[in-house]
Amino acid sequence: MPQVGNKKFPYTAKGKAMAKKEAKKTGKKMTSAYMKYEKMEPKAEKMKEAKMGMKKTAKKAVKKMAKKK
């Protein structure tokens, strides 16, 4: 859905045109929910990788503790 500032426009050709016009008029950037999702996706992937890394580190720590006993 196209958005300029806090103002939302319908996801149609007419809505996109209205959003572009509003962006030009106000000097603000036109964004869309789809673009925001694309920006969030890499962060989610990094979080998954970090979580996997933590699991591996925890497994190593458990193995070390078992060897000490």
N, C-alpha and C. Protein backbone atom coordinates (compact mmCIF):
# COMPACT_ATOMS: atom_id res chain seq x y z
N MET A 1 0.85 -1.17 0.00
CA MET A 1 0.00 0.00 0.00
C MET A 1 0.89 1.24 0.00
N PRO A 2 0.75 2.09 -1.00
CA PRO A 2 1.55 3.32 -1.03
C PRO A 2 1.23 4.22 0.15
N GLN A 3 2.26 4.84 0.68
CA GLN A 3 2.09 5.71 1.84
C GLN A 3 3.04 6.89 1.73
N VAL A 4 2.54 8.07 2.07
CA VAL A 4 3.36 9.29 2.12
C VAL A 4 3.16 9.87 3.51
N GLY A 5 4.22 9.85 4.31
CA GLY A 5 4.07 10.27 5.71
C GLY A 5 3.14 9.28 6.40
N ASN A 6 2.09 9.77 7.02
CA ASN A 6 1.10 8.90 7.66
C ASN A 6 -0.12 8.67 6.79
N LYS A 7 -0.14 9.28 5.61
CA LYS A 7 -1.28 9.17 4.72
C LYS A 7 -1.14 7.95 3.82
N LYS A 8 -2.17 7.09 3.82
CA LYS A 8 -2.14 5.86 3.03
C LYS A 8 -3.04 5.99 1.80
N PHE A 9 -2.63 5.32 0.74
CA PHE A 9 -3.37 5.35 -0.52
C PHE A 9 -3.66 3.93 -0.97
N PRO A 10 -4.73 3.74 -1.75
CA PRO A 10 -5.06 2.39 -2.22
C PRO A 10 -3.99 1.83 -3.16
N TYR A 11 -3.86 0.51 -3.15
CA TYR A 11 -2.86 -0.15 -4.00
C TYR A 11 -3.45 -0.39 -5.39
N THR A 12 -3.70 0.70 -6.08
CA THR A 12 -4.19 0.68 -7.46
C THR A 12 -3.35 1.67 -8.26
N ALA A 13 -3.52 1.66 -9.56
CA ALA A 13 -2.77 2.60 -10.40
C ALA A 13 -3.11 4.04 -10.00
N LYS A 14 -4.39 4.29 -9.75
CA LYS A 14 -4.83 5.63 -9.36
C LYS A 14 -4.26 6.01 -7.99
N GLY A 15 -4.27 5.04 -7.06
CA GLY A 15 -3.73 5.29 -5.72
C GLY A 15 -2.24 5.59 -5.75
N LYS A 16 -1.50 4.84 -6.58
CA LYS A 16 -0.07 5.08 -6.72
C LYS A 16 0.20 6.47 -7.29
N ALA A 17 -0.60 6.86 -8.28
CA ALA A 17 -0.44 8.18 -8.89
C ALA A 17 -0.74 9.28 -7.87
N MET A 18 -1.77 9.06 -7.07
CA MET A 18 -2.12 10.04 -6.03
C MET A 18 -0.99 10.15 -5.00
N ALA A 19 -0.40 9.01 -4.65
CA ALA A 19 0.70 9.01 -3.68
C ALA A 19 1.92 9.74 -4.23
N LYS A 20 2.24 9.51 -5.50
CA LYS A 20 3.37 10.20 -6.13
C LYS A 20 3.14 11.70 -6.13
N LYS A 21 1.92 12.09 -6.44
CA LYS A 21 1.57 13.51 -6.48
C LYS A 21 1.70 14.13 -5.08
N GLU A 22 1.23 13.41 -4.07
CA GLU A 22 1.31 13.88 -2.69
C GLU A 22 2.78 13.98 -2.24
N ALA A 23 3.59 13.01 -2.64
CA ALA A 23 5.01 13.02 -2.28
C ALA A 23 5.71 14.23 -2.89
N LYS A 24 5.41 14.50 -4.14
CA LYS A 24 6.01 15.64 -4.82
C LYS A 24 5.57 16.95 -4.17
N LYS A 25 4.28 17.00 -3.81
CA LYS A 25 3.71 18.21 -3.21
C LYS A 25 4.30 18.49 -1.83
N THR A 26 4.48 17.43 -1.02
CA THR A 26 4.94 17.61 0.36
C THR A 26 6.46 17.51 0.50
N GLY A 27 7.13 16.90 -0.49
CA GLY A 27 8.57 16.71 -0.42
C GLY A 27 8.97 15.49 0.41
N LYS A 28 7.97 14.68 0.79
CA LYS A 28 8.24 13.46 1.56
C LYS A 28 8.40 12.29 0.60
N LYS A 29 9.03 11.21 1.08
CA LYS A 29 9.20 10.02 0.26
C LYS A 29 7.94 9.18 0.26
N MET A 30 7.70 8.54 -0.89
CA MET A 30 6.60 7.59 -0.98
C MET A 30 7.15 6.21 -0.62
N THR A 31 6.50 5.52 0.29
CA THR A 31 6.91 4.18 0.68
C THR A 31 5.74 3.23 0.49
N SER A 32 6.02 1.95 0.62
CA SER A 32 4.94 0.97 0.56
C SER A 32 5.23 -0.12 1.57
N ALA A 33 4.20 -0.83 2.00
CA ALA A 33 4.36 -1.91 2.97
C ALA A 33 5.27 -2.98 2.41
N TYR A 34 5.23 -3.22 1.13
CA TYR A 34 6.07 -4.24 0.50
C TYR A 34 7.54 -3.89 0.66
N MET A 35 7.88 -2.63 0.46
CA MET A 35 9.27 -2.19 0.60
C MET A 35 9.74 -2.36 2.04
N LYS A 36 8.87 -2.06 2.99
CA LYS A 36 9.24 -2.20 4.39
C LYS A 36 9.53 -3.66 4.70
N TYR A 37 8.75 -4.58 4.15
CA TYR A 37 8.96 -6.01 4.39
C TYR A 37 10.32 -6.43 3.85
N GLU A 38 10.68 -5.95 2.67
CA GLU A 38 11.98 -6.31 2.08
C GLU A 38 13.12 -5.82 2.96
N LYS A 39 12.95 -4.68 3.59
CA LYS A 39 14.01 -4.15 4.44
C LYS A 39 14.12 -4.97 5.73
N MET A 40 13.01 -5.52 6.20
CA MET A 40 13.01 -6.28 7.44
C MET A 40 13.56 -7.69 7.24
N GLU A 41 13.39 -8.25 6.06
CA GLU A 41 13.77 -9.63 5.81
C GLU A 41 15.24 -9.93 6.11
N PRO A 42 16.20 -9.10 5.67
CA PRO A 42 17.60 -9.40 6.01
C PRO A 42 17.86 -9.40 7.52
N LYS A 43 17.19 -8.54 8.26
CA LYS A 43 17.36 -8.51 9.71
C LYS A 43 16.88 -9.82 10.32
N ALA A 44 15.76 -10.32 9.84
CA ALA A 44 15.23 -11.58 10.35
C ALA A 44 16.20 -12.72 10.05
N GLU A 45 16.80 -12.69 8.89
CA GLU A 45 17.77 -13.73 8.52
C GLU A 45 18.99 -13.67 9.43
N LYS A 46 19.47 -12.48 9.75
CA LYS A 46 20.61 -12.33 10.65
C LYS A 46 20.26 -12.84 12.04
N MET A 47 19.02 -12.60 12.48
CA MET A 47 18.60 -13.06 13.79
C MET A 47 18.59 -14.59 13.83
N LYS A 48 18.14 -15.22 12.75
CA LYS A 48 18.12 -16.68 12.68
C LYS A 48 19.54 -17.23 12.76
N GLU A 49 20.47 -16.59 12.03
CA GLU A 49 21.86 -17.03 12.04
C GLU A 49 22.46 -16.89 13.44
N ALA A 50 22.16 -15.79 14.11
CA ALA A 50 22.69 -15.56 15.46
C ALA A 50 22.14 -16.62 16.42
N LYS A 51 20.88 -16.94 16.27
CA LYS A 51 20.25 -17.93 17.14
C LYS A 51 20.91 -19.30 16.93
N MET A 52 21.18 -19.65 15.68
CA MET A 52 21.83 -20.92 15.38
C MET A 52 23.24 -20.94 15.98
N GLY A 53 23.92 -19.82 15.89
CA GLY A 53 25.26 -19.71 16.46
C GLY A 53 25.23 -19.91 17.97
N MET A 54 24.22 -19.36 18.62
CA MET A 54 24.08 -19.51 20.07
C MET A 54 23.85 -20.98 20.43
N LYS A 55 23.05 -21.67 19.63
CA LYS A 55 22.79 -23.08 19.89
C LYS A 55 24.07 -23.89 19.79
N LYS A 56 24.89 -23.62 18.76
CA LYS A 56 26.15 -24.33 18.58
C LYS A 56 27.09 -24.06 19.74
N THR A 57 27.14 -22.80 20.20
CA THR A 57 28.01 -22.44 21.32
C THR A 57 27.56 -23.15 22.59
N ALA A 58 26.26 -23.24 22.80
CA ALA A 58 25.73 -23.91 23.98
C ALA A 58 26.07 -25.41 23.94
N LYS A 59 25.99 -26.02 22.77
CA LYS A 59 26.33 -27.44 22.64
C LYS A 59 27.79 -27.67 22.97
N LYS A 60 28.67 -26.77 22.49
CA LYS A 60 30.10 -26.90 22.78
C LYS A 60 30.35 -26.78 24.28
N ALA A 61 29.67 -25.87 24.94
CA ALA A 61 29.85 -25.67 26.38
C ALA A 61 29.41 -26.92 27.14
N VAL A 62 28.32 -27.53 26.73
CA VAL A 62 27.83 -28.75 27.39
C VAL A 62 28.85 -29.88 27.20
N LYS A 63 29.41 -29.99 26.02
CA LYS A 63 30.42 -31.03 25.77
C LYS A 63 31.66 -30.82 26.63
N LYS A 64 32.10 -29.57 26.78
CA LYS A 64 33.26 -29.26 27.61
C LYS A 64 33.00 -29.63 29.06
N MET A 65 31.80 -29.31 29.54
CA MET A 65 31.45 -29.62 30.92
C MET A 65 31.41 -31.12 31.13
N ALA A 66 30.93 -31.86 30.16
CA ALA A 66 30.85 -33.31 30.26
C ALA A 66 32.26 -33.92 30.30
N LYS A 67 33.18 -33.35 29.55
CA LYS A 67 34.55 -33.86 29.53
C LYS A 67 35.25 -33.62 30.87
N LYS A 68 34.93 -32.49 31.54
CA LYS A 68 35.56 -32.17 32.82
C LYS A 68 35.16 -33.14 33.91
N LYS A 69 33.99 -33.71 33.83
CA LYS A 69 33.49 -34.62 34.87
C LYS A 69 34.18 -35.90 34.77
